[in-house]
Amino acid sequence: MHGAGRDMRMTCRITNPTEFLIELLAFKETLHVAPIDYDMLIGANFLIKHGAILDVPAKKMNLRNTQVHLRLGGETSPTNAPVVNRVTVQQTVIVPPNSALRIDLESAGMASDYLIEPKGNTTLLVPRTVCAKGQKPTLCFLNITDNPVRIPKGDEVGYTQEVKVIQSIDEEPLPSVGICTTPSTLKKGSPKSGIPSHLKDLYEKFVFCIVTFTRCTTKTVAH
């Protein structure tokens, strides 16, 4: 993503339509999550779409007949607490080929639980990581190449951002990874009890192929 300025290119990710509030007004829009110091920046497309009227001298915005206070560029937040911080490597590290390495990183303290968002300009595979408040930032670097990869001291490998609520956008969230349930633990008549339908179909196709192959082999031997 490119910002309005020189060298303002930054890595961001696009969310699914997400519900959020401005004052008491509810919206559902696609968001761009980027490493910026503000909680949220409202784009011109959003303002035009919802017919917003800006009164910059008074620091107010009229949005759906609701007055919203504006915070102009350069003004600090009420808490002055950073919500986004850079994450850097404390010392030079070499990740061996075809291996994974967990590395302790350096970053300013966060006032709440936070997510480490890795930068995408590397040959290493780096998963996002959620850390608790006060926990030292740590990332796992996976090198799937046949050559060692060097990460120099002070290299920026990602950024942290404040996390408050993590909620699935699905109406019925799936069970957590690694947790298996059996029919005996579910209510009778539950649509999730027993083996899922797609696994049943896969199993039936597998059995059909095995039986067909066995019959063909038997006929060949008989001849």
Protein backbone atom coordinates (compact mmCIF):
# COMPACT_ATOMS: atom_id res chain seq x y z
CA MET A 1 0.00 0.00 0.00
CA HIS A 2 1.26 3.51 -0.83
CA GLY A 3 0.64 6.48 1.45
CA ALA A 4 0.54 10.15 0.50
CA GLY A 5 4.24 10.91 0.61
CA ARG A 6 7.71 9.81 -0.43
CA ASP A 7 8.78 6.33 0.71
CA MET A 8 5.36 5.78 2.27
CA ARG A 9 5.00 2.23 1.00
CA MET A 10 3.91 -0.21 3.70
CA THR A 11 2.72 -3.77 4.01
CA CYS A 12 -0.92 -4.18 4.97
CA ARG A 13 -3.62 -6.81 4.92
CA ILE A 14 -7.24 -6.57 3.80
CA THR A 15 -9.98 -7.90 6.07
CA ASN A 16 -13.38 -9.34 5.31
CA PRO A 17 -16.29 -6.91 5.83
CA THR A 18 -15.96 -5.93 9.50
CA GLU A 19 -18.48 -4.25 11.78
CA PHE A 20 -17.33 -1.17 13.72
CA LEU A 21 -18.80 1.87 15.45
CA ILE A 22 -18.20 5.60 15.01
CA GLU A 23 -19.92 7.26 17.95
CA LEU A 24 -23.23 5.32 17.97
CA LEU A 25 -23.30 4.69 14.22
CA ALA A 26 -22.71 1.12 13.02
CA PHE A 27 -20.87 0.34 9.77
CA LYS A 28 -19.72 -2.80 7.99
CA GLU A 29 -16.80 -2.22 5.62
CA THR A 30 -13.66 -3.87 4.28
CA LEU A 31 -10.67 -2.57 6.26
CA HIS A 32 -6.97 -2.20 5.44
CA VAL A 33 -4.80 -3.02 8.48
CA ALA A 34 -1.47 -1.18 8.34
CA PRO A 35 1.35 -0.23 10.78
CA ILE A 36 0.25 3.31 11.62
CA ASP A 37 0.12 5.23 14.90
CA TYR A 38 -3.60 5.98 14.72
CA ASP A 39 -6.44 3.69 15.74
CA MET A 40 -8.12 4.24 12.38
CA LEU A 41 -7.90 6.52 9.35
CA ILE A 42 -11.10 7.16 7.41
CA GLY A 43 -10.57 7.19 3.64
CA ALA A 44 -12.15 9.53 1.11
CA ASN A 45 -14.15 6.65 -0.39
CA PHE A 46 -15.84 6.07 2.99
CA LEU A 47 -16.57 9.78 3.47
CA ILE A 48 -18.09 10.12 0.00
CA LYS A 49 -20.09 6.92 0.29
CA HIS A 50 -21.77 8.03 3.53
CA GLY A 51 -22.10 11.73 2.63
CA ALA A 52 -19.84 13.04 5.39
CA ILE A 53 -19.43 16.82 5.84
CA LEU A 54 -16.12 18.02 7.31
CA ASP A 55 -15.75 21.19 9.39
CA VAL A 56 -11.97 21.29 9.86
CA PRO A 57 -11.71 24.62 11.81
CA ALA A 58 -14.25 23.34 14.35
CA LYS A 59 -12.71 19.84 14.29
CA LYS A 60 -16.08 18.25 13.63
CA MET A 61 -17.60 15.93 11.06
CA ASN A 62 -21.28 15.49 10.29
CA LEU A 63 -21.94 11.84 9.55
CA ARG A 64 -25.53 10.70 9.13
CA ASN A 65 -26.73 13.74 11.09
CA THR A 66 -24.34 12.88 13.93
CA GLN A 67 -21.54 15.19 15.10
CA VAL A 68 -18.18 13.39 15.34
CA HIS A 69 -15.11 15.00 16.94
CA LEU A 70 -12.04 15.06 14.68
CA ARG A 71 -8.43 14.59 15.75
CA LEU A 72 -6.16 16.34 13.28
CA GLY A 73 -2.75 15.11 12.22
CA GLY A 74 -0.07 15.63 14.87
CA GLU A 75 -2.44 15.49 17.82
CA THR A 76 -1.68 12.78 20.37
CA SER A 77 -4.20 10.25 21.61
CA PRO A 78 -5.74 10.70 25.09
CA THR A 79 -3.58 7.93 26.56
CA ASN A 80 -0.40 8.67 24.58
CA ALA A 81 0.12 4.90 24.58
CA PRO A 82 1.52 3.43 21.35
CA VAL A 83 -0.70 0.90 19.62
CA VAL A 84 1.81 0.00 16.88
CA ASN A 85 5.55 -0.62 17.31
CA ARG A 86 8.40 -1.84 15.15
CA VAL A 87 9.91 -5.27 15.87
CA THR A 88 13.66 -5.69 15.29
CA VAL A 89 16.31 -8.38 15.73
CA GLN A 90 18.58 -7.95 18.78
CA GLN A 91 21.60 -9.64 17.23
CA THR A 92 22.60 -11.14 13.89
CA VAL A 93 21.00 -14.55 13.40
CA ILE A 94 21.52 -17.22 10.74
CA VAL A 95 18.63 -19.59 10.07
CA PRO A 96 19.99 -22.94 8.78
CA PRO A 97 18.56 -24.42 5.57
CA ASN A 98 15.39 -26.51 5.85
CA SER A 99 14.89 -25.69 9.50
CA ALA A 100 12.92 -23.50 11.88
CA LEU A 101 14.30 -21.11 14.49
CA ARG A 102 12.48 -19.24 17.26
CA ILE A 103 14.01 -15.82 17.90
CA ASP A 104 13.49 -13.34 20.74
CA LEU A 105 12.97 -9.85 19.32
CA GLU A 106 13.13 -6.23 20.47
CA SER A 107 10.15 -3.88 20.62
CA ALA A 108 8.65 -1.17 22.80
CA GLY A 109 6.28 -2.37 25.53
CA MET A 110 2.60 -2.72 24.67
CA ALA A 111 -0.20 -1.68 27.03
CA SER A 112 -2.32 -4.74 26.18
CA ASP A 113 -2.18 -8.09 24.41
CA TYR A 114 -0.75 -7.67 20.93
CA LEU A 115 -0.30 -9.29 17.55
CA ILE A 116 3.07 -9.50 15.79
CA GLU A 117 2.56 -8.95 12.06
CA PRO A 118 5.66 -10.10 10.09
CA LYS A 119 6.96 -8.19 7.09
CA GLY A 120 6.50 -9.89 3.76
CA ASN A 121 9.83 -8.97 2.11
CA THR A 122 11.77 -12.08 3.15
CA THR A 123 12.47 -15.58 1.86
CA LEU A 124 11.60 -16.95 5.30
CA LEU A 125 8.12 -18.09 6.29
CA VAL A 126 7.00 -16.25 9.43
CA PRO A 127 3.56 -16.89 10.96
CA ARG A 128 1.64 -14.20 12.83
CA THR A 129 1.94 -14.50 16.60
CA VAL A 130 -0.29 -13.29 19.43
CA CYS A 131 1.51 -12.33 22.66
CA ALA A 132 0.19 -11.46 26.10
CA LYS A 133 0.69 -8.07 27.73
CA GLY A 134 4.23 -7.83 29.10
CA GLN A 135 5.44 -10.85 27.11
CA LYS A 136 8.67 -10.47 25.16
CA PRO A 137 8.00 -10.57 21.40
CA THR A 138 9.02 -13.84 19.77
CA LEU A 139 8.69 -15.07 16.20
CA CYS A 140 9.35 -18.40 14.53
CA PHE A 141 11.33 -18.20 11.27
CA LEU A 142 11.04 -21.14 8.85
CA ASN A 143 13.68 -21.53 6.15
CA ILE A 144 12.43 -23.91 3.43
CA THR A 145 15.36 -23.23 1.09
CA ASP A 146 18.61 -25.18 0.75
CA ASN A 147 20.69 -22.16 1.75
CA PRO A 148 21.19 -20.44 5.13
CA VAL A 149 19.44 -17.09 5.55
CA ARG A 150 21.10 -14.27 7.50
CA ILE A 151 19.05 -11.76 9.51
CA PRO A 152 21.30 -8.81 10.47
CA LYS A 153 21.17 -7.09 13.85
CA GLY A 154 18.61 -4.27 13.96
CA ASP A 155 16.71 -5.56 10.92
CA GLU A 156 12.99 -4.74 11.09
CA VAL A 157 11.14 -8.04 10.74
CA GLY A 158 7.61 -6.91 11.59
CA TYR A 159 5.48 -4.74 13.82
CA THR A 160 3.22 -5.17 16.83
CA GLN A 161 -0.33 -3.93 17.03
CA GLU A 162 -2.76 -3.82 19.91
CA VAL A 163 -5.31 -6.61 20.16
CA LYS A 164 -8.50 -6.27 22.19
CA VAL A 165 -11.05 -8.75 20.84
CA ILE A 166 -10.50 -11.67 18.49
CA GLN A 167 -13.83 -12.91 17.17
CA SER A 168 -14.68 -15.15 14.24
CA ILE A 169 -16.78 -13.59 11.50
CA ASP A 170 -18.53 -16.91 10.97
CA GLU A 171 -21.97 -17.36 12.46
CA GLU A 172 -20.88 -20.70 13.90
CA PRO A 173 -17.11 -20.80 14.56
CA LEU A 174 -15.25 -24.03 13.96
CA PRO A 175 -13.64 -25.89 16.90
CA SER A 176 -10.11 -24.88 17.81
CA VAL A 177 -7.28 -26.56 15.92
CA GLY A 178 -6.15 -29.73 17.66
CA ILE A 179 -9.42 -30.34 19.53
CA CYS A 180 -11.41 -33.40 18.49
CA THR A 181 -14.95 -34.17 19.62
CA THR A 182 -16.68 -37.54 19.66
CA PRO A 183 -20.38 -38.23 19.13
CA SER A 184 -20.76 -39.13 22.81
CA THR A 185 -19.84 -35.59 23.88
CA LEU A 186 -22.39 -33.94 21.61
CA LYS A 187 -26.14 -33.62 22.02
CA LYS A 188 -28.26 -36.21 20.31
CA GLY A 189 -29.51 -35.00 16.96
CA SER A 190 -26.75 -32.40 16.67
CA PRO A 191 -25.82 -31.71 13.02
CA LYS A 192 -22.14 -31.96 13.97
CA SER A 193 -22.39 -35.39 15.65
CA GLY A 194 -20.65 -38.31 13.95
CA ILE A 195 -18.31 -38.14 10.98
CA PRO A 196 -18.66 -35.02 8.78
CA SER A 197 -20.41 -35.64 5.46
CA HIS A 198 -17.42 -34.61 3.32
CA LEU A 199 -15.21 -37.17 5.12
CA LYS A 200 -17.87 -39.86 4.64
CA ASP A 201 -17.95 -39.12 0.90
CA LEU A 202 -14.16 -39.25 0.73
CA TYR A 203 -14.08 -42.57 2.60
CA GLU A 204 -16.79 -44.11 0.39
CA LYS A 205 -14.91 -43.06 -2.77
CA PHE A 206 -11.70 -44.53 -1.36
CA VAL A 207 -13.40 -47.86 -0.53
CA PHE A 208 -15.01 -47.95 -3.99
CA CYS A 209 -11.63 -47.44 -5.67
CA ILE A 210 -9.99 -50.15 -3.53
CA VAL A 211 -12.79 -52.65 -4.28
CA THR A 212 -12.68 -51.87 -8.01
CA PHE A 213 -8.89 -52.23 -8.07
CA THR A 214 -9.10 -55.56 -6.20
CA ARG A 215 -11.68 -56.92 -8.65
CA CYS A 216 -9.55 -55.93 -11.63
CA THR A 217 -6.46 -57.53 -10.06
CA THR A 218 -8.40 -60.74 -9.34
CA LYS A 219 -9.61 -60.98 -12.93
CA THR A 220 -6.08 -60.47 -14.24
CA VAL A 221 -4.69 -63.24 -12.03
CA ALA A 222 -7.55 -65.57 -13.04
CA HIS A 223 -6.79 -65.09 -16.74
